[in-house]
Amino acid sequence: MEQYLVIGAGYLGQNIANVLNEECAVTVTSTTQSKADALEGVGSYQKKLNAGEKGAKYDALDNKDGICICIAPSRGSSYEDVFIKGVNAIVEELNSRLRGRDLHLTFISSTGVYGNQDGCIAYETLTPDFKDPTARILSSAEEKLLSLENESTKVCILRLGGIYGPGRDIPNWFKSVAGQPVAMAGEHACAWVHVEDAAEAVAFAFQKKLSGVFNCVDDWKYTRREIGSLICDREGLPPILWNAEGFNQQRNTNARVGNNKLKRRGFRFKHESMLA
């Protein structure tokens, strides 16, 4: 049985582990031992790994056929801690441990790397928005991991949209603010993906040994205003009052992200949109 490691057992990481556990022996890690202990039943094995932490033990990386890095800042950590310090530590450890062993590595990134594209279609060949500090950090992490690629190591970057699914009912949020002012730019487009599709995409990437960068988003390419109108009109609710004043304090993402590349490789999304 193939050995697979999921680094980061949050909302998405646990779903990835459950999907891959059907065919692999899956190890999942969390940043503290108490969190790792709470993961009993998720995957086959649970371990602590806080990448970049002084004295961190990286034995979970040993003898794996596949690894998914599914990490995000938590309370007390920053994007730099996770995606620069943490990723650099993982890359350094992998460089010293691979020794020619075949490995498939998937990194969960974000379509936020595209930043503000004035609502234009964003495909994988588009240059990230380096004006945005978060996009710069994520892009740097992607490049660091892609540098591991060689004959025996394949690296796949999955750029995900905002995740929805059980426990993350995005349509319900739109309905909850119907008729109210919301301090966001309604005319900005944003990308989404169902957690089930995101987890299945990781398994697909491993099975097909995908390498390179792939957008993993559903078919919707609407603005917030358009999504809000679709949801509220269907429920007979008043429109949301989008107010972009103060929007400069938020991350400025505005791109209609395309998913054709992943589909051309044979992946099929089960959820075309959050209303499907």
C-alpha atoms as a PDB file:
ATOM      1  CA  MET A   1       0.000   0.000   0.000  1.00  0.00           C
ATOM      2  CA  GLU A   2       1.284   3.451  -0.891  1.00  0.00           C
ATOM      3  CA  GLN A   3       2.252   5.792   1.918  1.00  0.00           C
ATOM      4  CA  TYR A   4       0.819   9.324   1.876  1.00  0.00           C
ATOM      5  CA  LEU A   5       1.392  12.303   4.170  1.00  0.00           C
ATOM      6  CA  VAL A   6      -0.979  15.247   4.635  1.00  0.00           C
ATOM      7  CA  ILE A   7       0.803  18.151   6.336  1.00  0.00           C
ATOM      8  CA  GLY A   8      -1.906  20.252   7.939  1.00  0.00           C
ATOM      9  CA  ALA A   9      -5.147  18.698   9.151  1.00  0.00           C
ATOM     10  CA  GLY A  10      -7.554  21.601   9.058  1.00  0.00           C
ATOM     11  CA  TYR A  11     -10.907  21.656   7.263  1.00  0.00           C
ATOM     12  CA  LEU A  12      -9.440  20.738   3.875  1.00  0.00           C
ATOM     13  CA  GLY A  13      -6.601  18.561   5.166  1.00  0.00           C
ATOM     14  CA  GLN A  14      -8.992  16.236   6.975  1.00  0.00           C
ATOM     15  CA  ASN A  15     -11.098  15.860   3.837  1.00  0.00           C
ATOM     16  CA  ILE A  16      -7.974  15.074   1.794  1.00  0.00           C
ATOM     17  CA  ALA A  17      -6.932  12.442   4.327  1.00  0.00           C
ATOM     18  CA  ASN A  18     -10.357  10.806   4.262  1.00  0.00           C
ATOM     19  CA  VAL A  19     -10.380  10.607   0.447  1.00  0.00           C
ATOM     20  CA  LEU A  20      -6.845   9.209   0.164  1.00  0.00           C
ATOM     21  CA  ASN A  21      -7.309   6.828   3.106  1.00  0.00           C
ATOM     22  CA  GLU A  22      -9.446   4.629   0.839  1.00  0.00           C
ATOM     23  CA  GLU A  23      -6.379   3.531  -1.131  1.00  0.00           C
ATOM     24  CA  CYS A  24      -3.325   4.680   0.858  1.00  0.00           C
ATOM     25  CA  ALA A  25      -1.914   4.475   4.350  1.00  0.00           C
ATOM     26  CA  VAL A  26      -2.312   8.145   5.281  1.00  0.00           C
ATOM     27  CA  THR A  27      -0.402  10.037   7.947  1.00  0.00           C
ATOM     28  CA  VAL A  28      -1.790  13.419   8.966  1.00  0.00           C
ATOM     29  CA  THR A  29       0.072  16.041  10.965  1.00  0.00           C
ATOM     30  CA  SER A  30      -0.970  18.981  13.090  1.00  0.00           C
ATOM     31  CA  THR A  31       1.048  21.738  14.725  1.00  0.00           C
ATOM     32  CA  THR A  32       0.563  20.543  18.313  1.00  0.00           C
ATOM     33  CA  GLN A  33       0.393  17.101  19.913  1.00  0.00           C
ATOM     34  CA  SER A  34      -3.033  17.815  21.411  1.00  0.00           C
ATOM     35  CA  LYS A  35      -4.425  18.668  17.972  1.00  0.00           C
ATOM     36  CA  ALA A  36      -2.783  15.573  16.495  1.00  0.00           C
ATOM     37  CA  ASP A  37      -4.322  13.389  19.231  1.00  0.00           C
ATOM     38  CA  ALA A  38      -7.737  14.859  18.427  1.00  0.00           C
ATOM     39  CA  LEU A  39      -7.388  13.626  14.832  1.00  0.00           C
ATOM     40  CA  GLU A  40      -7.813   9.967  15.773  1.00  0.00           C
ATOM     41  CA  GLY A  41      -9.869   8.366  13.015  1.00  0.00           C
ATOM     42  CA  VAL A  42      -8.619  10.835  10.390  1.00  0.00           C
ATOM     43  CA  GLY A  43      -6.144   8.941   8.231  1.00  0.00           C
ATOM     44  CA  SER A  44      -4.180   5.939   9.474  1.00  0.00           C
ATOM     45  CA  TYR A  45      -1.622   7.722  11.672  1.00  0.00           C
ATOM     46  CA  GLN A  46      -1.449  11.099  13.403  1.00  0.00           C
ATOM     47  CA  LYS A  47       1.725  13.041  14.242  1.00  0.00           C
ATOM     48  CA  LYS A  48       2.826  16.472  15.383  1.00  0.00           C
ATOM     49  CA  LEU A  49       4.751  18.627  12.895  1.00  0.00           C
ATOM     50  CA  ASN A  50       5.144  22.379  13.162  1.00  0.00           C
ATOM     51  CA  ALA A  51       7.385  23.113  10.173  1.00  0.00           C
ATOM     52  CA  GLY A  52       9.997  25.748  10.870  1.00  0.00           C
ATOM     53  CA  GLU A  53       9.682  25.420  14.640  1.00  0.00           C
ATOM     54  CA  LYS A  54      12.967  25.052  16.505  1.00  0.00           C
ATOM     55  CA  GLY A  55      13.561  21.380  17.265  1.00  0.00           C
ATOM     56  CA  ALA A  56      10.785  20.193  14.928  1.00  0.00           C
ATOM     57  CA  LYS A  57      10.965  16.516  14.018  1.00  0.00           C
ATOM     58  CA  TYR A  58      10.464  15.680  10.352  1.00  0.00           C
ATOM     59  CA  ASP A  59      10.408  11.878  10.499  1.00  0.00           C
ATOM     60  CA  ALA A  60       6.852  11.959   9.100  1.00  0.00           C
ATOM     61  CA  LEU A  61       8.426  12.853   5.739  1.00  0.00           C
ATOM     62  CA  ASP A  62      10.316   9.564   5.520  1.00  0.00           C
ATOM     63  CA  ASN A  63       9.391   6.813   3.051  1.00  0.00           C
ATOM     64  CA  LYS A  64       6.368   8.541   1.551  1.00  0.00           C
ATOM     65  CA  ASP A  65       5.054   8.059  -1.979  1.00  0.00           C
ATOM     66  CA  GLY A  66       2.992  11.225  -1.832  1.00  0.00           C
ATOM     67  CA  ILE A  67       2.839  14.370   0.280  1.00  0.00           C
ATOM     68  CA  CYS A  68       0.274  17.168   0.349  1.00  0.00           C
ATOM     69  CA  ILE A  69       1.243  20.431   2.011  1.00  0.00           C
ATOM     70  CA  CYS A  70      -2.042  21.938   3.163  1.00  0.00           C
ATOM     71  CA  ILE A  71      -1.023  24.598   5.655  1.00  0.00           C
ATOM     72  CA  ALA A  72      -2.339  28.007   6.657  1.00  0.00           C
ATOM     73  CA  PRO A  73      -1.626  30.606   9.342  1.00  0.00           C
ATOM     74  CA  SER A  74      -3.328  29.970  12.649  1.00  0.00           C
ATOM     75  CA  ARG A  75      -3.575  32.064  15.785  1.00  0.00           C
ATOM     76  CA  GLY A  76      -0.143  33.378  16.657  1.00  0.00           C
ATOM     77  CA  SER A  77       1.437  32.694  13.254  1.00  0.00           C
ATOM     78  CA  SER A  78       1.827  34.794  10.115  1.00  0.00           C
ATOM     79  CA  TYR A  79       1.972  34.133   6.379  1.00  0.00           C
ATOM     80  CA  GLU A  80       5.758  34.523   6.630  1.00  0.00           C
ATOM     81  CA  ASP A  81       5.948  31.930   9.411  1.00  0.00           C
ATOM     82  CA  VAL A  82       3.947  29.383   7.428  1.00  0.00           C
ATOM     83  CA  PHE A  83       4.775  29.959   3.769  1.00  0.00           C
ATOM     84  CA  ILE A  84       8.377  31.161   4.010  1.00  0.00           C
ATOM     85  CA  LYS A  85       9.860  29.746   7.191  1.00  0.00           C
ATOM     86  CA  GLY A  86       7.731  26.591   7.212  1.00  0.00           C
ATOM     87  CA  VAL A  87       7.973  25.807   3.498  1.00  0.00           C
ATOM     88  CA  ASN A  88      11.716  26.481   3.442  1.00  0.00           C
ATOM     89  CA  ALA A  89      12.173  24.014   6.314  1.00  0.00           C
ATOM     90  CA  ILE A  90      10.148  21.329   4.519  1.00  0.00           C
ATOM     91  CA  VAL A  91      12.088  21.837   1.288  1.00  0.00           C
ATOM     92  CA  GLU A  92      15.410  21.622   3.139  1.00  0.00           C
ATOM     93  CA  GLU A  93      14.357  18.407   4.861  1.00  0.00           C
ATOM     94  CA  LEU A  94      13.068  16.848   1.647  1.00  0.00           C
ATOM     95  CA  ASN A  95      16.297  17.688  -0.166  1.00  0.00           C
ATOM     96  CA  SER A  96      18.216  15.741   2.473  1.00  0.00           C
ATOM     97  CA  ARG A  97      15.812  12.788   2.622  1.00  0.00           C
ATOM     98  CA  LEU A  98      14.666  11.955  -0.920  1.00  0.00           C
ATOM     99  CA  ARG A  99      17.832  10.286  -2.214  1.00  0.00           C
ATOM    100  CA  GLY A 100      16.252   9.332  -5.508  1.00  0.00           C
ATOM    101  CA  ARG A 101      13.034   7.899  -4.060  1.00  0.00           C
ATOM    102  CA  ASP A 102       9.993   8.586  -6.239  1.00  0.00           C
ATOM    103  CA  LEU A 103       7.744  11.190  -4.679  1.00  0.00           C
ATOM    104  CA  HIS A 104       4.679  13.156  -5.731  1.00  0.00           C
ATOM    105  CA  LEU A 105       4.238  16.458  -3.895  1.00  0.00           C
ATOM    106  CA  THR A 106       1.117  18.639  -3.956  1.00  0.00           C
ATOM    107  CA  PHE A 107       1.055  22.146  -2.523  1.00  0.00           C
ATOM    108  CA  ILE A 108      -2.256  23.820  -1.740  1.00  0.00           C
ATOM    109  CA  SER A 109      -1.949  27.413  -2.895  1.00  0.00           C
ATOM    110  CA  SER A 110      -4.583  30.043  -3.643  1.00  0.00           C
ATOM    111  CA  THR A 111      -6.042  31.844  -6.629  1.00  0.00           C
ATOM    112  CA  GLY A 112      -5.343  34.930  -4.522  1.00  0.00           C
ATOM    113  CA  VAL A 113      -1.906  34.967  -6.191  1.00  0.00           C
ATOM    114  CA  TYR A 114      -3.605  36.590  -9.203  1.00  0.00           C
ATOM    115  CA  GLY A 115      -4.650  39.590  -7.132  1.00  0.00           C
ATOM    116  CA  ASN A 116      -6.453  42.359  -9.000  1.00  0.00           C
ATOM    117  CA  GLN A 117      -6.762  41.520 -12.693  1.00  0.00           C
ATOM    118  CA  ASP A 118      -9.679  43.931 -13.246  1.00  0.00           C
ATOM    119  CA  GLY A 119     -12.050  40.991 -13.608  1.00  0.00           C
ATOM    120  CA  CYS A 120     -10.179  39.422 -16.532  1.00  0.00           C
ATOM    121  CA  ILE A 121      -9.878  35.647 -16.982  1.00  0.00           C
ATOM    122  CA  ALA A 122      -6.911  34.266 -15.045  1.00  0.00           C
ATOM    123  CA  TYR A 123      -5.199  31.136 -16.300  1.00  0.00           C
ATOM    124  CA  GLU A 124      -2.124  29.469 -14.855  1.00  0.00           C
ATOM    125  CA  THR A 125       0.255  31.279 -17.217  1.00  0.00           C
ATOM    126  CA  LEU A 126      -0.739  34.670 -15.815  1.00  0.00           C
ATOM    127  CA  THR A 127       1.966  36.395 -13.772  1.00  0.00           C
ATOM    128  CA  PRO A 128       1.013  36.686 -10.075  1.00  0.00           C
ATOM    129  CA  ASP A 129       0.180  40.113  -8.683  1.00  0.00           C
ATOM    130  CA  PHE A 130       3.492  40.892  -6.970  1.00  0.00           C
ATOM    131  CA  LYS A 131       2.117  44.208  -5.684  1.00  0.00           C
ATOM    132  CA  ASP A 132       0.080  42.239  -3.158  1.00  0.00           C
ATOM    133  CA  PRO A 133       2.276  41.068  -0.222  1.00  0.00           C
ATOM    134  CA  THR A 134       0.281  37.867   0.367  1.00  0.00           C
ATOM    135  CA  ALA A 135       0.440  36.983  -3.326  1.00  0.00           C
ATOM    136  CA  ARG A 136       4.214  37.522  -3.259  1.00  0.00           C
ATOM    137  CA  ILE A 137       4.611  35.190  -0.294  1.00  0.00           C
ATOM    138  CA  LEU A 138       2.452  32.437  -1.814  1.00  0.00           C
ATOM    139  CA  SER A 139       4.187  32.733  -5.174  1.00  0.00           C
ATOM    140  CA  SER A 140       7.564  32.463  -3.460  1.00  0.00           C
ATOM    141  CA  ALA A 141       6.440  29.278  -1.691  1.00  0.00           C
ATOM    142  CA  GLU A 142       5.238  27.834  -4.997  1.00  0.00           C
ATOM    143  CA  GLU A 143       8.577  28.524  -6.671  1.00  0.00           C
ATOM    144  CA  LYS A 144      10.503  27.058  -3.747  1.00  0.00           C
ATOM    145  CA  LEU A 145       8.565  23.806  -3.956  1.00  0.00           C
ATOM    146  CA  LEU A 146       8.693  23.649  -7.758  1.00  0.00           C
ATOM    147  CA  SER A 147      12.482  23.778  -7.437  1.00  0.00           C
ATOM    148  CA  LEU A 148      12.316  20.223  -6.035  1.00  0.00           C
ATOM    149  CA  GLU A 149      11.083  18.869  -9.374  1.00  0.00           C
ATOM    150  CA  ASN A 150      13.364  16.293 -11.009  1.00  0.00           C
ATOM    151  CA  GLU A 151      13.140  12.849 -12.607  1.00  0.00           C
ATOM    152  CA  SER A 152      11.990  11.192  -9.389  1.00  0.00           C
ATOM    153  CA  THR A 153      10.073  14.081  -7.777  1.00  0.00           C
ATOM    154  CA  LYS A 154       6.934  15.549  -9.326  1.00  0.00           C
ATOM    155  CA  VAL A 155       5.501  18.753  -7.889  1.00  0.00           C
ATOM    156  CA  CYS A 156       1.915  19.914  -8.421  1.00  0.00           C
ATOM    157  CA  ILE A 157       0.609  23.307  -7.319  1.00  0.00           C
ATOM    158  CA  LEU A 158      -3.163  23.485  -6.858  1.00  0.00           C
ATOM    159  CA  ARG A 159      -4.462  27.048  -6.680  1.00  0.00           C
ATOM    160  CA  LEU A 160      -7.785  26.898  -4.879  1.00  0.00           C
ATOM    161  CA  GLY A 161     -10.604  29.387  -4.718  1.00  0.00           C
ATOM    162  CA  GLY A 162     -12.503  30.100  -1.513  1.00  0.00           C
ATOM    163  CA  ILE A 163     -13.660  26.794  -0.038  1.00  0.00           C
ATOM    164  CA  TYR A 164     -17.303  26.018   0.628  1.00  0.00           C
ATOM    165  CA  GLY A 165     -19.047  22.832   1.724  1.00  0.00           C
ATOM    166  CA  PRO A 166     -20.426  21.234   4.901  1.00  0.00           C
ATOM    167  CA  GLY A 167     -19.857  23.645   7.748  1.00  0.00           C
ATOM    168  CA  ARG A 168     -19.009  26.449   5.333  1.00  0.00           C
ATOM    169  CA  ASP A 169     -22.362  27.475   3.900  1.00  0.00           C
ATOM    170  CA  ILE A 170     -21.438  30.479   1.750  1.00  0.00           C
ATOM    171  CA  PRO A 171     -24.926  30.876   0.192  1.00  0.00           C
ATOM    172  CA  ASN A 172     -26.353  31.139   3.708  1.00  0.00           C
ATOM    173  CA  TRP A 173     -23.953  34.007   4.422  1.00  0.00           C
ATOM    174  CA  PHE A 174     -25.178  35.876   1.325  1.00  0.00           C
ATOM    175  CA  LYS A 175     -28.765  35.360   2.465  1.00  0.00           C
ATOM    176  CA  SER A 176     -27.936  36.529   5.985  1.00  0.00           C
ATOM    177  CA  VAL A 177     -26.761  39.938   4.730  1.00  0.00           C
ATOM    178  CA  ALA A 178     -29.595  40.507   2.233  1.00  0.00           C
ATOM    179  CA  GLY A 179     -30.783  44.111   2.340  1.00  0.00           C
ATOM    180  CA  GLN A 180     -27.816  45.152   4.491  1.00  0.00           C
ATOM    181  CA  PRO A 181     -24.690  47.185   3.722  1.00  0.00           C
ATOM    182  CA  VAL A 182     -21.557  45.049   3.308  1.00  0.00           C
ATOM    183  CA  ALA A 183     -18.107  46.658   3.184  1.00  0.00           C
ATOM    184  CA  MET A 184     -16.825  44.782   0.153  1.00  0.00           C
ATOM    185  CA  ALA A 185     -16.435  45.574  -3.540  1.00  0.00           C
ATOM    186  CA  GLY A 186     -19.476  44.007  -5.165  1.00  0.00           C
ATOM    187  CA  GLU A 187     -18.012  44.405  -8.652  1.00  0.00           C
ATOM    188  CA  HIS A 188     -14.976  42.237  -7.897  1.00  0.00           C
ATOM    189  CA  ALA A 189     -14.935  38.654  -9.145  1.00  0.00           C
ATOM    190  CA  CYS A 190     -13.858  35.866  -6.835  1.00  0.00           C
ATOM    191  CA  ALA A 191     -13.215  32.136  -7.264  1.00  0.00           C
ATOM    192  CA  TRP A 192     -14.765  29.269  -5.303  1.00  0.00           C
ATOM    193  CA  VAL A 193     -14.432  25.503  -4.947  1.00  0.00           C
ATOM    194  CA  HIS A 194     -16.295  22.824  -3.007  1.00  0.00           C
ATOM    195  CA  VAL A 195     -14.189  21.063  -0.370  1.00  0.00           C
ATOM    196  CA  GLU A 196     -15.079  17.669  -1.883  1.00  0.00           C
ATOM    197  CA  ASP A 197     -13.736  18.709  -5.287  1.00  0.00           C
ATOM    198  CA  ALA A 198     -10.592  20.175  -3.723  1.00  0.00           C
ATOM    199  CA  ALA A 199      -9.873  16.932  -1.836  1.00  0.00           C
ATOM    200  CA  GLU A 200     -10.616  14.801  -4.893  1.00  0.00           C
ATOM    201  CA  ALA A 201      -8.289  17.005  -6.971  1.00  0.00           C
ATOM    202  CA  VAL A 202      -5.408  16.198  -4.607  1.00  0.00           C
ATOM    203  CA  ALA A 203      -6.106  12.471  -4.996  1.00  0.00           C
ATOM    204  CA  PHE A 204      -6.369  12.917  -8.782  1.00  0.00           C
ATOM    205  CA  ALA A 205      -3.056  14.788  -8.909  1.00  0.00           C
ATOM    206  CA  PHE A 206      -1.397  11.944  -6.990  1.00  0.00           C
ATOM    207  CA  GLN A 207      -2.927   9.212  -9.142  1.00  0.00           C
ATOM    208  CA  LYS A 208      -2.028  10.948 -12.414  1.00  0.00           C
ATOM    209  CA  LYS A 209       1.318  12.271 -11.118  1.00  0.00           C
ATOM    210  CA  LEU A 210       0.448  15.788 -12.264  1.00  0.00           C
ATOM    211  CA  SER A 211       3.220  18.360 -12.264  1.00  0.00           C
ATOM    212  CA  GLY A 212       3.070  22.122 -12.670  1.00  0.00           C
ATOM    213  CA  VAL A 213       0.425  24.665 -11.702  1.00  0.00           C
ATOM    214  CA  PHE A 214      -3.329  24.044 -11.893  1.00  0.00           C
ATOM    215  CA  ASN A 215      -6.293  26.210 -10.920  1.00  0.00           C
ATOM    216  CA  CYS A 216      -8.804  24.245  -8.870  1.00  0.00           C
ATOM    217  CA  VAL A 217     -12.041  26.241  -8.910  1.00  0.00           C
ATOM    218  CA  ASP A 218     -15.663  25.633  -9.833  1.00  0.00           C
ATOM    219  CA  ASP A 219     -17.281  27.005 -12.997  1.00  0.00           C
ATOM    220  CA  TRP A 220     -18.609  30.249 -11.542  1.00  0.00           C
ATOM    221  CA  LYS A 221     -16.825  33.389 -12.683  1.00  0.00           C
ATOM    222  CA  TYR A 222     -19.202  35.897 -11.161  1.00  0.00           C
ATOM    223  CA  THR A 223     -18.707  39.036  -9.124  1.00  0.00           C
ATOM    224  CA  ARG A 224     -19.904  39.192  -5.532  1.00  0.00           C
ATOM    225  CA  ARG A 225     -22.830  41.316  -6.667  1.00  0.00           C
ATOM    226  CA  GLU A 226     -23.836  38.750  -9.304  1.00  0.00           C
ATOM    227  CA  ILE A 227     -23.595  35.865  -6.841  1.00  0.00           C
ATOM    228  CA  GLY A 228     -25.576  37.792  -4.247  1.00  0.00           C
ATOM    229  CA  SER A 229     -28.278  38.595  -6.798  1.00  0.00           C
ATOM    230  CA  LEU A 230     -28.569  34.957  -7.913  1.00  0.00           C
ATOM    231  CA  ILE A 231     -28.948  33.743  -4.346  1.00  0.00           C
ATOM    232  CA  CYS A 232     -31.175  36.518  -3.010  1.00  0.00           C
ATOM    233  CA  ASP A 233     -33.458  36.650  -6.062  1.00  0.00           C
ATOM    234  CA  ARG A 234     -34.048  32.924  -5.821  1.00  0.00           C
ATOM    235  CA  GLU A 235     -35.093  33.306  -2.172  1.00  0.00           C
ATOM    236  CA  GLY A 236     -37.143  36.464  -2.763  1.00  0.00           C
ATOM    237  CA  LEU A 237     -34.776  38.506  -0.613  1.00  0.00           C
ATOM    238  CA  PRO A 238     -33.758  42.168  -1.039  1.00  0.00           C
ATOM    239  CA  PRO A 239     -30.390  42.855  -2.706  1.00  0.00           C
ATOM    240  CA  ILE A 240     -27.185  43.195  -0.732  1.00  0.00           C
ATOM    241  CA  LEU A 241     -25.940  46.775  -0.459  1.00  0.00           C
ATOM    242  CA  TRP A 242     -22.297  46.456  -1.455  1.00  0.00           C
ATOM    243  CA  ASN A 243     -20.148  49.327  -0.264  1.00  0.00           C
ATOM    244  CA  ALA A 244     -16.531  49.451  -1.460  1.00  0.00           C
ATOM    245  CA  GLU A 245     -15.635  52.316   0.878  1.00  0.00           C
ATOM    246  CA  GLY A 246     -12.762  51.125   3.009  1.00  0.00           C
ATOM    247  CA  PHE A 247     -12.086  48.256   0.605  1.00  0.00           C
ATOM    248  CA  ASN A 248      -8.403  49.224   0.456  1.00  0.00           C
ATOM    249  CA  GLN A 249      -8.052  47.617   3.887  1.00  0.00           C
ATOM    250  CA  GLN A 250      -8.877  44.242   2.353  1.00  0.00           C
ATOM    251  CA  ARG A 251      -6.962  42.032  -0.047  1.00  0.00           C
ATOM    252  CA  ASN A 252      -7.695  43.356  -3.511  1.00  0.00           C
ATOM    253  CA  THR A 253      -8.552  40.233  -5.525  1.00  0.00           C
ATOM    254  CA  ASN A 254     -10.548  40.561  -8.729  1.00  0.00           C
ATOM    255  CA  ALA A 255     -10.087  37.773 -11.281  1.00  0.00           C
ATOM    256  CA  ARG A 256     -12.343  35.323 -13.113  1.00  0.00           C
ATOM    257  CA  VAL A 257     -10.276  32.175 -12.677  1.00  0.00           C
ATOM    258  CA  GLY A 258     -10.388  29.459 -15.346  1.00  0.00           C
ATOM    259  CA  ASN A 259     -10.292  25.712 -14.630  1.00  0.00           C
ATOM    260  CA  ASN A 260      -9.811  24.382 -18.180  1.00  0.00           C
ATOM    261  CA  LYS A 261      -6.285  23.037 -17.641  1.00  0.00           C
ATOM    262  CA  LEU A 262      -7.300  20.666 -14.851  1.00  0.00           C
ATOM    263  CA  LYS A 263     -10.373  19.551 -16.802  1.00  0.00           C
ATOM    264  CA  ARG A 264      -8.245  18.812 -19.871  1.00  0.00           C
ATOM    265  CA  ARG A 265      -6.223  16.387 -17.758  1.00  0.00           C
ATOM    266  CA  GLY A 266      -9.427  14.477 -17.091  1.00  0.00           C
ATOM    267  CA  PHE A 267     -10.597  15.835 -13.756  1.00  0.00           C
ATOM    268  CA  ARG A 268     -14.346  16.237 -13.372  1.00  0.00           C
ATOM    269  CA  PHE A 269     -15.837  18.594 -10.812  1.00  0.00           C
ATOM    270  CA  LYS A 270     -18.834  17.238  -8.909  1.00  0.00           C
ATOM    271  CA  HIS A 271     -19.953  20.741  -7.950  1.00  0.00           C
ATOM    272  CA  GLU A 272     -20.210  23.262 -10.788  1.00  0.00           C
ATOM    273  CA  SER A 273     -21.143  25.988  -8.329  1.00  0.00           C
ATOM    274  CA  MET A 274     -22.236  26.531  -4.745  1.00  0.00           C
ATOM    275  CA  LEU A 275     -25.852  26.331  -5.957  1.00  0.00           C
ATOM    276  CA  ALA A 276     -25.434  23.108  -7.969  1.00  0.00           C
END
